[in-house]
Amino acid sequence: MDFHPRDLPISKIYDIKDEKDASDAVENIINLGFKNRREGFKVLMPKESKIAKRIGYTVTTGVTHGLRQKNETRDIRYWTYHHDKDHYAIVLISNSTLTELGF
């Protein structure tokens, strides 16, 4: 990987505090969709390990499940990384968009 996920274009950033916020963010991401979008989505979550794991699982599986229900392509790439001293981040972007951007 010759780039960092923070370098990808982002259309919306979600600052998630708990699983309820994560479910709301997933619903919003699914409604906005990845089709015809040249940007991705970023989810920030607290660095508390137990909460971060639950939020990460909720977001990644929720997006995949939501796209399947809408019969949309589920070819989504995502990365989890240390965003800053207080947050982890997940960046989600369509694989076709990633290819178009040259990454």
Protein backbone atom coordinates (compact mmCIF):
# COMPACT_ATOMS: atom_id res chain seq x y z
CA MET A 1 0.00 0.00 0.00
CA ASP A 2 1.70 3.19 -1.18
CA PHE A 3 -0.87 5.57 0.28
CA HIS A 4 -2.57 6.13 3.60
CA PRO A 5 -6.38 5.94 3.93
CA ARG A 6 -6.45 9.51 5.27
CA ASP A 7 -5.35 10.64 1.76
CA LEU A 8 -8.58 9.41 0.14
CA PRO A 9 -11.32 11.95 -0.70
CA ILE A 10 -14.09 11.89 1.93
CA SER A 11 -17.65 13.12 1.38
CA LYS A 12 -18.86 12.79 4.97
CA ILE A 13 -17.28 12.17 8.38
CA TYR A 14 -19.22 10.49 11.18
CA ASP A 15 -18.08 10.94 14.80
CA ILE A 16 -19.49 7.86 16.53
CA LYS A 17 -19.73 7.51 20.32
CA ASP A 18 -21.67 4.23 20.70
CA GLU A 19 -23.41 1.42 18.82
CA LYS A 20 -26.64 3.43 18.41
CA ASP A 21 -24.71 6.20 16.64
CA ALA A 22 -23.02 3.51 14.51
CA SER A 23 -26.38 2.10 13.40
CA ASP A 24 -27.58 5.59 12.48
CA ALA A 25 -24.38 6.25 10.50
CA VAL A 26 -24.72 2.95 8.64
CA GLU A 27 -28.30 3.81 7.68
CA ASN A 28 -27.15 7.21 6.40
CA ILE A 29 -24.22 5.71 4.46
CA ILE A 30 -26.55 3.18 2.81
CA ASN A 31 -29.05 5.93 1.89
CA LEU A 32 -26.28 8.08 0.36
CA GLY A 33 -24.76 5.01 -1.33
CA PHE A 34 -21.46 4.41 -3.05
CA LYS A 35 -22.79 4.39 -6.62
CA ASN A 36 -21.63 7.31 -8.82
CA ARG A 37 -19.64 8.75 -5.90
CA ARG A 38 -16.00 9.75 -6.20
CA GLU A 39 -15.49 9.97 -2.45
CA GLY A 40 -15.67 7.65 0.51
CA PHE A 41 -16.94 7.90 4.06
CA LYS A 42 -14.97 8.20 7.29
CA VAL A 43 -16.16 6.93 10.67
CA LEU A 44 -14.35 8.19 13.77
CA MET A 45 -14.70 6.15 16.96
CA PRO A 46 -13.25 6.36 20.47
CA LYS A 47 -10.00 4.50 21.17
CA GLU A 48 -11.56 2.45 23.95
CA SER A 49 -10.91 -1.02 22.56
CA LYS A 50 -14.19 -2.72 23.51
CA ILE A 51 -16.36 0.09 22.13
CA ALA A 52 -14.21 0.49 19.00
CA LYS A 53 -14.51 -3.22 18.15
CA ARG A 54 -18.29 -3.12 18.49
CA ILE A 55 -18.60 0.05 16.42
CA GLY A 56 -16.23 -1.30 13.75
CA TYR A 57 -18.17 -4.54 13.49
CA THR A 58 -21.51 -2.69 13.36
CA VAL A 59 -20.29 -0.37 10.60
CA THR A 60 -18.58 -2.92 8.35
CA THR A 61 -21.23 -5.62 8.55
CA GLY A 62 -24.07 -3.09 8.52
CA VAL A 63 -22.87 -1.46 5.31
CA THR A 64 -22.42 -4.83 3.59
CA HIS A 65 -25.82 -6.05 4.74
CA GLY A 66 -27.55 -2.78 3.76
CA LEU A 67 -26.03 -2.82 0.28
CA ARG A 68 -27.11 -6.42 -0.17
CA GLN A 69 -30.69 -5.53 0.78
CA LYS A 70 -30.72 -2.70 -1.78
CA ASN A 71 -29.24 -5.07 -4.42
CA GLU A 72 -26.25 -2.77 -4.89
CA THR A 73 -22.67 -3.79 -5.49
CA ARG A 74 -20.90 -4.71 -2.26
CA ASP A 75 -17.41 -4.20 -3.68
CA ILE A 76 -16.34 -1.88 -0.87
CA ARG A 77 -12.82 -1.47 0.51
CA TYR A 78 -12.23 -0.30 4.05
CA TRP A 79 -9.30 0.43 6.32
CA THR A 80 -9.10 0.92 10.06
CA TYR A 81 -6.28 3.06 11.43
CA HIS A 82 -5.19 5.30 14.31
CA HIS A 83 -6.63 8.70 13.39
CA ASP A 84 -5.34 10.71 16.36
CA LYS A 85 -4.65 10.22 20.06
CA ASP A 86 -8.38 9.92 20.86
CA HIS A 87 -9.83 8.17 17.78
CA TYR A 88 -9.60 5.22 15.49
CA ALA A 89 -11.03 5.74 12.00
CA ILE A 90 -12.59 3.53 9.36
CA VAL A 91 -12.52 4.74 5.77
CA LEU A 92 -14.97 3.08 3.38
CA ILE A 93 -14.82 3.58 -0.38
CA SER A 94 -16.02 1.77 -3.48
CA ASN A 95 -13.31 -0.37 -5.06
CA SER A 96 -14.16 1.00 -8.53
CA THR A 97 -13.75 4.57 -7.24
CA LEU A 98 -10.43 3.62 -5.70
CA THR A 99 -9.29 2.30 -9.08
CA GLU A 100 -10.50 5.46 -10.89
CA LEU A 101 -8.53 7.63 -8.46
CA GLY A 102 -5.39 5.64 -9.22
CA PHE A 103 -4.84 4.13 -5.78
